[in-house]
Structure formats: structure tokens, C-alpha cells
């Protein structure tokens, strides 16, 4: 179990709306690629969705559900187009208003 606790791959760190620049009007999705590195993806609002909810209700936890988020199409930081990327949106995420 030791090293698996450090595994933070493909976990959404943040989602924010881009106001300026070439990606204005798109969502910026920042995702962990390792415990110390991350990558950003830019996508239109209609190109991101929650594929499924992963719940722990059968383990006695209520209202604790991770989500698998899918990007239909997106552009990464290098400008490369990507399709059908999937990431984990953790249940303990905090929503800023």
C-alpha cells in the first residue's frame, strides 16, 4: 500500500473559466500527472461531461461520490488536440463561487 498512496495521476485539481487570451471563453481543466506535476487542458463547456459517479454508499458513506469526467475534445498546454480524455474529479472537491 505504501507507494500507492502517492499515486495522484489523472486527478482534477481545478476547473476555471478563461477570461483572456487565445482560450478566452473556454474552461481550463488542470489535472495531476504525478504528485508534483500537472497539465492543463482547454475545452469548450459543451465538450466536458461527467461520465459516471463513483459512490461509496455501499461502504456506509453518504453523499460522497467521485466523478469520472470526460473531455470529448480539448487542447493541451502544448497546443496538441486530444480526444476522449478521462479524469477523476474527487468527492472532496471544493466549489468556489
PDB file of N, CA and C in Angstrom:
ATOM      1  N   UNK A   1       0.806  -1.191   0.000  1.00  0.00           N
ATOM      2  CA  UNK A   1       0.000   0.000   0.000  1.00  0.00           C
ATOM      3  C   UNK A   1       0.854   1.261   0.000  1.00  0.00           C
ATOM      4  N   UNK A   2       2.071   1.211   0.466  1.00  0.00           N
ATOM      5  CA  UNK A   2       2.905   2.390   0.648  1.00  0.00           C
ATOM      6  C   UNK A   2       2.968   3.340  -0.518  1.00  0.00           C
ATOM      7  N   UNK A   3       3.448   2.896  -1.665  1.00  0.00           N
ATOM      8  CA  UNK A   3       3.624   3.781  -2.811  1.00  0.00           C
ATOM      9  C   UNK A   3       2.310   4.127  -3.500  1.00  0.00           C
ATOM     10  N   UNK A   4       1.282   3.304  -3.338  1.00  0.00           N
ATOM     11  CA  UNK A   4       0.015   3.615  -3.995  1.00  0.00           C
ATOM     12  C   UNK A   4      -0.644   4.856  -3.405  1.00  0.00           C
ATOM     13  N   UNK A   5      -0.281   5.214  -2.182  1.00  0.00           N
ATOM     14  CA  UNK A   5      -0.849   6.428  -1.586  1.00  0.00           C
ATOM     15  C   UNK A   5      -0.309   7.685  -2.262  1.00  0.00           C
ATOM     16  N   UNK A   6       0.833   7.574  -2.953  1.00  0.00           N
ATOM     17  CA  UNK A   6       1.406   8.710  -3.670  1.00  0.00           C
ATOM     18  C   UNK A   6       0.881   8.823  -5.097  1.00  0.00           C
ATOM     19  N   UNK A   7       0.045   7.909  -5.501  1.00  0.00           N
ATOM     20  CA  UNK A   7      -0.452   7.896  -6.868  1.00  0.00           C
ATOM     21  C   UNK A   7      -1.571   8.910  -7.040  1.00  0.00           C
ATOM     22  N   UNK A   8      -1.255  10.025  -7.645  1.00  0.00           N
ATOM     23  CA  UNK A   8      -2.226  11.090  -7.909  1.00  0.00           C
ATOM     24  C   UNK A   8      -2.254  11.370  -9.398  1.00  0.00           C
ATOM     25  N   UNK A   9      -2.506  10.375 -10.188  1.00  0.00           N
ATOM     26  CA  UNK A   9      -2.465  10.534 -11.632  1.00  0.00           C
ATOM     27  C   UNK A   9      -3.875  10.705 -12.177  1.00  0.00           C
ATOM     28  N   UNK A  10      -4.036  11.680 -13.088  1.00  0.00           N
ATOM     29  CA  UNK A  10      -5.307  11.954 -13.747  1.00  0.00           C
ATOM     30  C   UNK A  10      -6.404  12.382 -12.776  1.00  0.00           C
ATOM     31  N   UNK A  11      -6.038  13.178 -11.776  1.00  0.00           N
ATOM     32  CA  UNK A  11      -6.995  13.724 -10.819  1.00  0.00           C
ATOM     33  C   UNK A  11      -7.146  15.221 -11.096  1.00  0.00           C
ATOM     34  N   UNK A  12      -8.380  15.686 -11.207  1.00  0.00           N
ATOM     35  CA  UNK A  12      -8.642  17.097 -11.482  1.00  0.00           C
ATOM     36  C   UNK A  12      -8.270  17.940 -10.268  1.00  0.00           C
ATOM     37  N   UNK A  13      -7.388  18.921 -10.492  1.00  0.00           N
ATOM     38  CA  UNK A  13      -7.013  19.859  -9.433  1.00  0.00           C
ATOM     39  C   UNK A  13      -7.940  21.060  -9.406  1.00  0.00           C
ATOM     40  N   UNK A  14      -8.274  21.576 -10.598  1.00  0.00           N
ATOM     41  CA  UNK A  14      -9.131  22.758 -10.662  1.00  0.00           C
ATOM     42  C   UNK A  14      -9.780  22.854 -12.037  1.00  0.00           C
ATOM     43  N   UNK A  15     -10.913  23.534 -12.058  1.00  0.00           N
ATOM     44  CA  UNK A  15     -11.612  23.866 -13.301  1.00  0.00           C
ATOM     45  C   UNK A  15     -11.981  25.336 -13.199  1.00  0.00           C
ATOM     46  N   UNK A  16     -11.566  26.117 -14.189  1.00  0.00           N
ATOM     47  CA  UNK A  16     -11.864  27.549 -14.153  1.00  0.00           C
ATOM     48  C   UNK A  16     -12.152  28.064 -15.555  1.00  0.00           C
ATOM     49  N   UNK A  17     -12.889  29.161 -15.627  1.00  0.00           N
ATOM     50  CA  UNK A  17     -13.205  29.802 -16.900  1.00  0.00           C
ATOM     51  C   UNK A  17     -12.065  30.737 -17.282  1.00  0.00           C
ATOM     52  N   UNK A  18     -11.615  30.656 -18.526  1.00  0.00           N
ATOM     53  CA  UNK A  18     -10.542  31.523 -19.022  1.00  0.00           C
ATOM     54  C   UNK A  18     -11.171  32.826 -19.534  1.00  0.00           C
ATOM     55  N   UNK A  19     -10.687  33.964 -19.049  1.00  0.00           N
ATOM     56  CA  UNK A  19     -11.265  35.256 -19.414  1.00  0.00           C
ATOM     57  C   UNK A  19     -10.538  35.928 -20.579  1.00  0.00           C
ATOM     58  N   UNK A  20      -9.225  35.740 -20.662  1.00  0.00           N
ATOM     59  CA  UNK A  20      -8.431  36.444 -21.671  1.00  0.00           C
ATOM     60  C   UNK A  20      -7.568  35.475 -22.471  1.00  0.00           C
ATOM     61  N   UNK A  21      -7.035  35.977 -23.573  1.00  0.00           N
ATOM     62  CA  UNK A  21      -6.077  35.220 -24.360  1.00  0.00           C
ATOM     63  C   UNK A  21      -6.721  34.339 -25.417  1.00  0.00           C
ATOM     64  N   UNK A  22      -5.920  33.468 -26.001  1.00  0.00           N
ATOM     65  CA  UNK A  22      -6.411  32.642 -27.116  1.00  0.00           C
ATOM     66  C   UNK A  22      -7.470  31.616 -26.708  1.00  0.00           C
ATOM     67  N   UNK A  23      -7.539  31.308 -25.413  1.00  0.00           N
ATOM     68  CA  UNK A  23      -8.521  30.327 -24.932  1.00  0.00           C
ATOM     69  C   UNK A  23      -9.688  30.989 -24.197  1.00  0.00           C
ATOM     70  N   UNK A  24      -9.884  32.271 -24.420  1.00  0.00           N
ATOM     71  CA  UNK A  24     -10.963  33.010 -23.747  1.00  0.00           C
ATOM     72  C   UNK A  24     -12.313  32.352 -24.024  1.00  0.00           C
ATOM     73  N   UNK A  25     -13.094  32.191 -22.966  1.00  0.00           N
ATOM     74  CA  UNK A  25     -14.417  31.581 -23.085  1.00  0.00           C
ATOM     75  C   UNK A  25     -14.414  30.073 -22.922  1.00  0.00           C
ATOM     76  N   UNK A  26     -13.233  29.482 -22.799  1.00  0.00           N
ATOM     77  CA  UNK A  26     -13.136  28.033 -22.606  1.00  0.00           C
ATOM     78  C   UNK A  26     -12.885  27.722 -21.132  1.00  0.00           C
ATOM     79  N   UNK A  27     -13.034  26.460 -20.784  1.00  0.00           N
ATOM     80  CA  UNK A  27     -12.690  26.001 -19.447  1.00  0.00           C
ATOM     81  C   UNK A  27     -11.243  25.533 -19.437  1.00  0.00           C
ATOM     82  N   UNK A  28     -10.539  25.877 -18.378  1.00  0.00           N
ATOM     83  CA  UNK A  28      -9.185  25.372 -18.152  1.00  0.00           C
ATOM     84  C   UNK A  28      -9.289  24.289 -17.086  1.00  0.00           C
ATOM     85  N   UNK A  29      -8.950  23.067 -17.459  1.00  0.00           N
ATOM     86  CA  UNK A  29      -9.003  21.935 -16.533  1.00  0.00           C
ATOM     87  C   UNK A  29      -7.567  21.552 -16.205  1.00  0.00           C
ATOM     88  N   UNK A  30      -7.170  21.743 -14.944  1.00  0.00           N
ATOM     89  CA  UNK A  30      -5.819  21.396 -14.505  1.00  0.00           C
ATOM     90  C   UNK A  30      -5.864  20.014 -13.867  1.00  0.00           C
ATOM     91  N   UNK A  31      -4.985  19.121 -14.338  1.00  0.00           N
ATOM     92  CA  UNK A  31      -5.011  17.712 -13.941  1.00  0.00           C
ATOM     93  C   UNK A  31      -3.629  17.281 -13.460  1.00  0.00           C
ATOM     94  N   UNK A  32      -3.570  16.521 -12.363  1.00  0.00           N
ATOM     95  CA  UNK A  32      -2.303  15.975 -11.871  1.00  0.00           C
ATOM     96  C   UNK A  32      -1.816  14.868 -12.792  1.00  0.00           C
ATOM     97  N   UNK A  33      -0.536  14.937 -13.149  1.00  0.00           N
ATOM     98  CA  UNK A  33       0.079  13.849 -13.896  1.00  0.00           C
ATOM     99  C   UNK A  33       0.990  13.026 -12.992  1.00  0.00           C
ATOM    100  N   UNK A  34       1.325  13.576 -11.827  1.00  0.00           N
ATOM    101  CA  UNK A  34       2.088  12.902 -10.783  1.00  0.00           C
ATOM    102  C   UNK A  34       1.877  13.712  -9.502  1.00  0.00           C
ATOM    103  N   UNK A  35       2.414  13.263  -8.378  1.00  0.00           N
ATOM    104  CA  UNK A  35       2.221  14.041  -7.150  1.00  0.00           C
ATOM    105  C   UNK A  35       2.807  15.452  -7.191  1.00  0.00           C
ATOM    106  N   UNK A  36       3.748  15.705  -8.114  1.00  0.00           N
ATOM    107  CA  UNK A  36       4.396  17.018  -8.145  1.00  0.00           C
ATOM    108  C   UNK A  36       4.251  17.745  -9.485  1.00  0.00           C
ATOM    109  N   UNK A  37       3.539  17.175 -10.436  1.00  0.00           N
ATOM    110  CA  UNK A  37       3.398  17.810 -11.759  1.00  0.00           C
ATOM    111  C   UNK A  37       1.940  17.798 -12.195  1.00  0.00           C
ATOM    112  N   UNK A  38       1.611  18.753 -13.071  1.00  0.00           N
ATOM    113  CA  UNK A  38       0.245  18.808 -13.587  1.00  0.00           C
ATOM    114  C   UNK A  38       0.265  19.284 -15.030  1.00  0.00           C
ATOM    115  N   UNK A  39      -0.872  19.146 -15.686  1.00  0.00           N
ATOM    116  CA  UNK A  39      -1.044  19.561 -17.072  1.00  0.00           C
ATOM    117  C   UNK A  39      -2.407  20.234 -17.174  1.00  0.00           C
ATOM    118  N   UNK A  40      -2.494  21.230 -18.047  1.00  0.00           N
ATOM    119  CA  UNK A  40      -3.761  21.928 -18.253  1.00  0.00           C
ATOM    120  C   UNK A  40      -4.344  21.596 -19.618  1.00  0.00           C
ATOM    121  N   UNK A  41      -5.657  21.500 -19.654  1.00  0.00           N
ATOM    122  CA  UNK A  41      -6.403  21.270 -20.880  1.00  0.00           C
ATOM    123  C   UNK A  41      -7.422  22.392 -21.032  1.00  0.00           C
ATOM    124  N   UNK A  42      -7.666  22.816 -22.268  1.00  0.00           N
ATOM    125  CA  UNK A  42      -8.637  23.865 -22.558  1.00  0.00           C
ATOM    126  C   UNK A  42      -9.732  23.265 -23.425  1.00  0.00           C
ATOM    127  N   UNK A  43     -10.986  23.450 -23.007  1.00  0.00           N
ATOM    128  CA  UNK A  43     -12.102  22.867 -23.737  1.00  0.00           C
ATOM    129  C   UNK A  43     -13.329  23.761 -23.657  1.00  0.00           C
ATOM    130  N   UNK A  44     -14.224  23.627 -24.622  1.00  0.00           N
ATOM    131  CA  UNK A  44     -15.497  24.347 -24.579  1.00  0.00           C
ATOM    132  C   UNK A  44     -16.397  23.691 -23.536  1.00  0.00           C
ATOM    133  N   UNK A  45     -17.301  24.467 -22.998  1.00  0.00           N
ATOM    134  CA  UNK A  45     -18.209  23.980 -21.954  1.00  0.00           C
ATOM    135  C   UNK A  45     -19.018  22.772 -22.433  1.00  0.00           C
ATOM    136  N   UNK A  46     -19.412  22.761 -23.701  1.00  0.00           N
ATOM    137  CA  UNK A  46     -20.221  21.649 -24.202  1.00  0.00           C
ATOM    138  C   UNK A  46     -19.391  20.423 -24.588  1.00  0.00           C
ATOM    139  N   UNK A  47     -18.081  20.457 -24.324  1.00  0.00           N
ATOM    140  CA  UNK A  47     -17.210  19.327 -24.640  1.00  0.00           C
ATOM    141  C   UNK A  47     -16.717  18.597 -23.388  1.00  0.00           C
ATOM    142  N   UNK A  48     -17.297  18.901 -22.231  1.00  0.00           N
ATOM    143  CA  UNK A  48     -16.912  18.242 -20.982  1.00  0.00           C
ATOM    144  C   UNK A  48     -18.169  17.729 -20.296  1.00  0.00           C
ATOM    145  N   UNK A  49     -18.085  16.520 -19.745  1.00  0.00           N
ATOM    146  CA  UNK A  49     -19.251  15.963 -19.054  1.00  0.00           C
ATOM    147  C   UNK A  49     -18.806  14.941 -18.020  1.00  0.00           C
ATOM    148  N   UNK A  50     -19.690  14.675 -17.078  1.00  0.00           N
ATOM    149  CA  UNK A  50     -19.453  13.639 -16.080  1.00  0.00           C
ATOM    150  C   UNK A  50     -19.937  12.324 -16.659  1.00  0.00           C
ATOM    151  N   UNK A  51     -19.019  11.388 -16.834  1.00  0.00           N
ATOM    152  CA  UNK A  51     -19.357  10.116 -17.455  1.00  0.00           C
ATOM    153  C   UNK A  51     -20.094   9.204 -16.474  1.00  0.00           C
ATOM    154  N   UNK A  52     -19.615   9.157 -15.234  1.00  0.00           N
ATOM    155  CA  UNK A  52     -20.302   8.361 -14.217  1.00  0.00           C
ATOM    156  C   UNK A  52     -19.890   8.806 -12.835  1.00  0.00           C
ATOM    157  N   UNK A  53     -20.724   8.477 -11.891  1.00  0.00           N
ATOM    158  CA  UNK A  53     -20.473   8.795 -10.498  1.00  0.00           C
ATOM    159  C   UNK A  53     -20.016   7.529  -9.795  1.00  0.00           C
ATOM    160  N   UNK A  54     -18.919   7.652  -9.059  1.00  0.00           N
ATOM    161  CA  UNK A  54     -18.373   6.507  -8.336  1.00  0.00           C
ATOM    162  C   UNK A  54     -18.667   6.736  -6.860  1.00  0.00           C
ATOM    163  N   UNK A  55     -19.663   6.047  -6.334  1.00  0.00           N
ATOM    164  CA  UNK A  55     -20.108   6.288  -4.971  1.00  0.00           C
ATOM    165  C   UNK A  55     -19.578   5.287  -3.973  1.00  0.00           C
ATOM    166  N   UNK A  56     -19.571   5.669  -2.705  1.00  0.00           N
ATOM    167  CA  UNK A  56     -19.183   4.803  -1.599  1.00  0.00           C
ATOM    168  C   UNK A  56     -20.371   4.516  -0.691  1.00  0.00           C
ATOM    169  N   UNK A  57     -21.594   4.628  -1.233  1.00  0.00           N
ATOM    170  CA  UNK A  57     -22.781   4.427  -0.409  1.00  0.00           C
ATOM    171  C   UNK A  57     -22.832   3.033   0.193  1.00  0.00           C
ATOM    172  N   UNK A  58     -22.338   2.041  -0.529  1.00  0.00           N
ATOM    173  CA  UNK A  58     -22.371   0.674  -0.010  1.00  0.00           C
ATOM    174  C   UNK A  58     -21.361   0.461   1.114  1.00  0.00           C
ATOM    175  N   UNK A  59     -20.473   1.437   1.328  1.00  0.00           N
ATOM    176  CA  UNK A  59     -19.496   1.348   2.401  1.00  0.00           C
ATOM    177  C   UNK A  59     -19.910   2.166   3.617  1.00  0.00           C
ATOM    178  N   UNK A  60     -21.138   2.673   3.600  1.00  0.00           N
ATOM    179  CA  UNK A  60     -21.650   3.429   4.738  1.00  0.00           C
ATOM    180  C   UNK A  60     -21.445   4.924   4.643  1.00  0.00           C
ATOM    181  N   UNK A  61     -20.911   5.384   3.527  1.00  0.00           N
ATOM    182  CA  UNK A  61     -20.699   6.821   3.362  1.00  0.00           C
ATOM    183  C   UNK A  61     -21.844   7.387   2.536  1.00  0.00           C
ATOM    184  N   UNK A  62     -22.405   8.503   2.988  1.00  0.00           N
ATOM    185  CA  UNK A  62     -23.490   9.123   2.238  1.00  0.00           C
ATOM    186  C   UNK A  62     -22.998  10.410   1.594  1.00  0.00           C
ATOM    187  N   UNK A  63     -23.503  10.689   0.422  1.00  0.00           N
ATOM    188  CA  UNK A  63     -23.180  11.915  -0.300  1.00  0.00           C
ATOM    189  C   UNK A  63     -21.683  12.092  -0.564  1.00  0.00           C
ATOM    190  N   UNK A  64     -20.965  10.991  -0.723  1.00  0.00           N
ATOM    191  CA  UNK A  64     -19.547  11.043  -1.062  1.00  0.00           C
ATOM    192  C   UNK A  64     -19.383  10.293  -2.370  1.00  0.00           C
ATOM    193  N   UNK A  65     -19.247  11.045  -3.444  1.00  0.00           N
ATOM    194  CA  UNK A  65     -19.161  10.406  -4.749  1.00  0.00           C
ATOM    195  C   UNK A  65     -18.147  11.114  -5.629  1.00  0.00           C
ATOM    196  N   UNK A  66     -17.143  10.364  -6.052  1.00  0.00           N
ATOM    197  CA  UNK A  66     -16.218  10.859  -7.060  1.00  0.00           C
ATOM    198  C   UNK A  66     -16.943  10.836  -8.395  1.00  0.00           C
ATOM    199  N   UNK A  67     -16.444  11.576  -9.353  1.00  0.00           N
ATOM    200  CA  UNK A  67     -16.999  11.558 -10.702  1.00  0.00           C
ATOM    201  C   UNK A  67     -15.879  11.312 -11.695  1.00  0.00           C
ATOM    202  N   UNK A  68     -16.172  10.557 -12.719  1.00  0.00           N
ATOM    203  CA  UNK A  68     -15.265  10.404 -13.837  1.00  0.00           C
ATOM    204  C   UNK A  68     -15.675  11.458 -14.865  1.00  0.00           C
ATOM    205  N   UNK A  69     -14.772  12.391 -15.144  1.00  0.00           N
ATOM    206  CA  UNK A  69     -15.035  13.489 -16.059  1.00  0.00           C
ATOM    207  C   UNK A  69     -14.365  13.173 -17.391  1.00  0.00           C
ATOM    208  N   UNK A  70     -15.096  13.402 -18.477  1.00  0.00           N
ATOM    209  CA  UNK A  70     -14.566  13.125 -19.806  1.00  0.00           C
ATOM    210  C   UNK A  70     -14.524  14.418 -20.620  1.00  0.00           C
ATOM    211  N   UNK A  71     -13.407  14.622 -21.301  1.00  0.00           N
ATOM    212  CA  UNK A  71     -13.281  15.724 -22.246  1.00  0.00           C
ATOM    213  C   UNK A  71     -13.417  15.130 -23.647  1.00  0.00           C
ATOM    214  N   UNK A  72     -14.477  15.497 -24.355  1.00  0.00           N
ATOM    215  CA  UNK A  72     -14.657  14.979 -25.724  1.00  0.00           C
ATOM    216  C   UNK A  72     -13.498  15.413 -26.608  1.00  0.00           C
ATOM    217  N   UNK A  73     -13.272  16.707 -26.676  1.00  0.00           N
ATOM    218  CA  UNK A  73     -12.129  17.277 -27.392  1.00  0.00           C
ATOM    219  C   UNK A  73     -11.572  18.404 -26.556  1.00  0.00           C
ATOM    220  N   UNK A  74     -10.259  18.568 -26.620  1.00  0.00           N
ATOM    221  CA  UNK A  74      -9.598  19.616 -25.852  1.00  0.00           C
ATOM    222  C   UNK A  74      -8.242  19.904 -26.485  1.00  0.00           C
ATOM    223  N   UNK A  75      -7.634  20.984 -26.018  1.00  0.00           N
ATOM    224  CA  UNK A  75      -6.288  21.350 -26.423  1.00  0.00           C
ATOM    225  C   UNK A  75      -5.436  21.367 -25.167  1.00  0.00           C
ATOM    226  N   UNK A  76      -4.273  20.706 -25.212  1.00  0.00           N
ATOM    227  CA  UNK A  76      -3.415  20.733 -24.035  1.00  0.00           C
ATOM    228  C   UNK A  76      -2.497  21.953 -24.084  1.00  0.00           C
ATOM    229  N   UNK A  77      -1.622  22.086 -23.090  1.00  0.00           N
ATOM    230  CA  UNK A  77      -0.752  23.266 -22.968  1.00  0.00           C
ATOM    231  C   UNK A  77       0.157  23.457 -24.175  1.00  0.00           C
ATOM    232  N   UNK A  78       0.545  22.363 -24.812  1.00  0.00           N
ATOM    233  CA  UNK A  78       1.462  22.446 -25.946  1.00  0.00           C
ATOM    234  C   UNK A  78       0.742  22.796 -27.250  1.00  0.00           C
ATOM    235  N   UNK A  79      -0.602  22.837 -27.204  1.00  0.00           N
ATOM    236  CA  UNK A  79      -1.380  23.137 -28.395  1.00  0.00           C
ATOM    237  C   UNK A  79      -1.867  21.899 -29.135  1.00  0.00           C
ATOM    238  N   UNK A  80      -1.523  20.717 -28.625  1.00  0.00           N
ATOM    239  CA  UNK A  80      -1.945  19.465 -29.258  1.00  0.00           C
ATOM    240  C   UNK A  80      -3.417  19.192 -28.968  1.00  0.00           C
ATOM    241  N   UNK A  81      -4.125  18.727 -29.974  1.00  0.00           N
ATOM    242  CA  UNK A  81      -5.531  18.355 -29.811  1.00  0.00           C
ATOM    243  C   UNK A  81      -5.606  16.950 -29.205  1.00  0.00           C
ATOM    244  N   UNK A  82      -6.472  16.779 -28.203  1.00  0.00           N
ATOM    245  CA  UNK A  82      -6.683  15.474 -27.577  1.00  0.00           C
ATOM    246  C   UNK A  82      -8.166  15.150 -27.619  1.00  0.00           C
ATOM    247  N   UNK A  83      -8.482  13.874 -27.596  1.00  0.00           N
ATOM    248  CA  UNK A  83      -9.879  13.427 -27.614  1.00  0.00           C
ATOM    249  C   UNK A  83     -10.101  12.369 -26.551  1.00  0.00           C
ATOM    250  N   UNK A  84     -11.293  12.392 -25.981  1.00  0.00           N
ATOM    251  CA  UNK A  84     -11.752  11.370 -25.038  1.00  0.00           C
ATOM    252  C   UNK A  84     -10.797  11.149 -23.874  1.00  0.00           C
ATOM    253  N   UNK A  85     -10.327  12.229 -23.283  1.00  0.00           N
ATOM    254  CA  UNK A  85      -9.511  12.136 -22.070  1.00  0.00           C
ATOM    255  C   UNK A  85     -10.435  11.961 -20.875  1.00  0.00           C
ATOM    256  N   UNK A  86     -10.046  11.113 -19.927  1.00  0.00           N
ATOM    257  CA  UNK A  86     -10.869  10.849 -18.749  1.00  0.00           C
ATOM    258  C   UNK A  86     -10.065  11.113 -17.483  1.00  0.00           C
ATOM    259  N   UNK A  87     -10.722  11.768 -16.513  1.00  0.00           N
ATOM    260  CA  UNK A  87     -10.063  12.149 -15.275  1.00  0.00           C
ATOM    261  C   UNK A  87     -10.999  11.916 -14.094  1.00  0.00           C
ATOM    262  N   UNK A  88     -10.412  11.828 -12.916  1.00  0.00           N
ATOM    263  CA  UNK A  88     -11.173  11.666 -11.683  1.00  0.00           C
ATOM    264  C   UNK A  88     -11.397  13.026 -11.047  1.00  0.00           C
ATOM    265  N   UNK A  89     -12.649  13.377 -10.804  1.00  0.00           N
ATOM    266  CA  UNK A  89     -13.000  14.577 -10.037  1.00  0.00           C
ATOM    267  C   UNK A  89     -13.335  14.101  -8.636  1.00  0.00           C
ATOM    268  N   UNK A  90     -12.464  14.378  -7.651  1.00  0.00           N
ATOM    269  CA  UNK A  90     -12.648  13.809  -6.309  1.00  0.00           C
ATOM    270  C   UNK A  90     -13.891  14.318  -5.587  1.00  0.00           C
ATOM    271  N   UNK A  91     -14.437  13.478  -4.742  1.00  0.00           N
ATOM    272  CA  UNK A  91     -15.629  13.824  -3.972  1.00  0.00           C
ATOM    273  C   UNK A  91     -15.358  14.935  -2.973  1.00  0.00           C
ATOM    274  N   UNK A  92     -14.113  15.082  -2.540  1.00  0.00           N
ATOM    275  CA  UNK A  92     -13.795  16.104  -1.547  1.00  0.00           C
ATOM    276  C   UNK A  92     -13.427  17.435  -2.192  1.00  0.00           C
ATOM    277  N   UNK A  93     -13.792  17.602  -3.468  1.00  0.00           N
ATOM    278  CA  UNK A  93     -13.516  18.862  -4.172  1.00  0.00           C
ATOM    279  C   UNK A  93     -14.294  20.000  -3.527  1.00  0.00           C
ATOM    280  N   UNK A  94     -13.732  21.184  -3.583  1.00  0.00           N
ATOM    281  CA  UNK A  94     -14.361  22.381  -3.018  1.00  0.00           C
ATOM    282  C   UNK A  94     -14.819  23.269  -4.155  1.00  0.00           C
ATOM    283  N   UNK A  95     -16.033  23.778  -4.061  1.00  0.00           N
ATOM    284  CA  UNK A  95     -16.560  24.651  -5.112  1.00  0.00           C
ATOM    285  C   UNK A  95     -16.460  26.095  -4.650  1.00  0.00           C
ATOM    286  N   UNK A  96     -15.746  26.903  -5.455  1.00  0.00           N
ATOM    287  CA  UNK A  96     -15.657  28.340  -5.201  1.00  0.00           C
ATOM    288  C   UNK A  96     -16.723  29.039  -6.015  1.00  0.00           C
ATOM    289  N   UNK A  97     -17.343  30.022  -5.441  1.00  0.00           N
ATOM    290  CA  UNK A  97     -18.376  30.778  -6.181  1.00  0.00           C
ATOM    291  C   UNK A  97     -17.854  32.109  -6.605  1.00  0.00           C
TER     292      UNK A  97
END
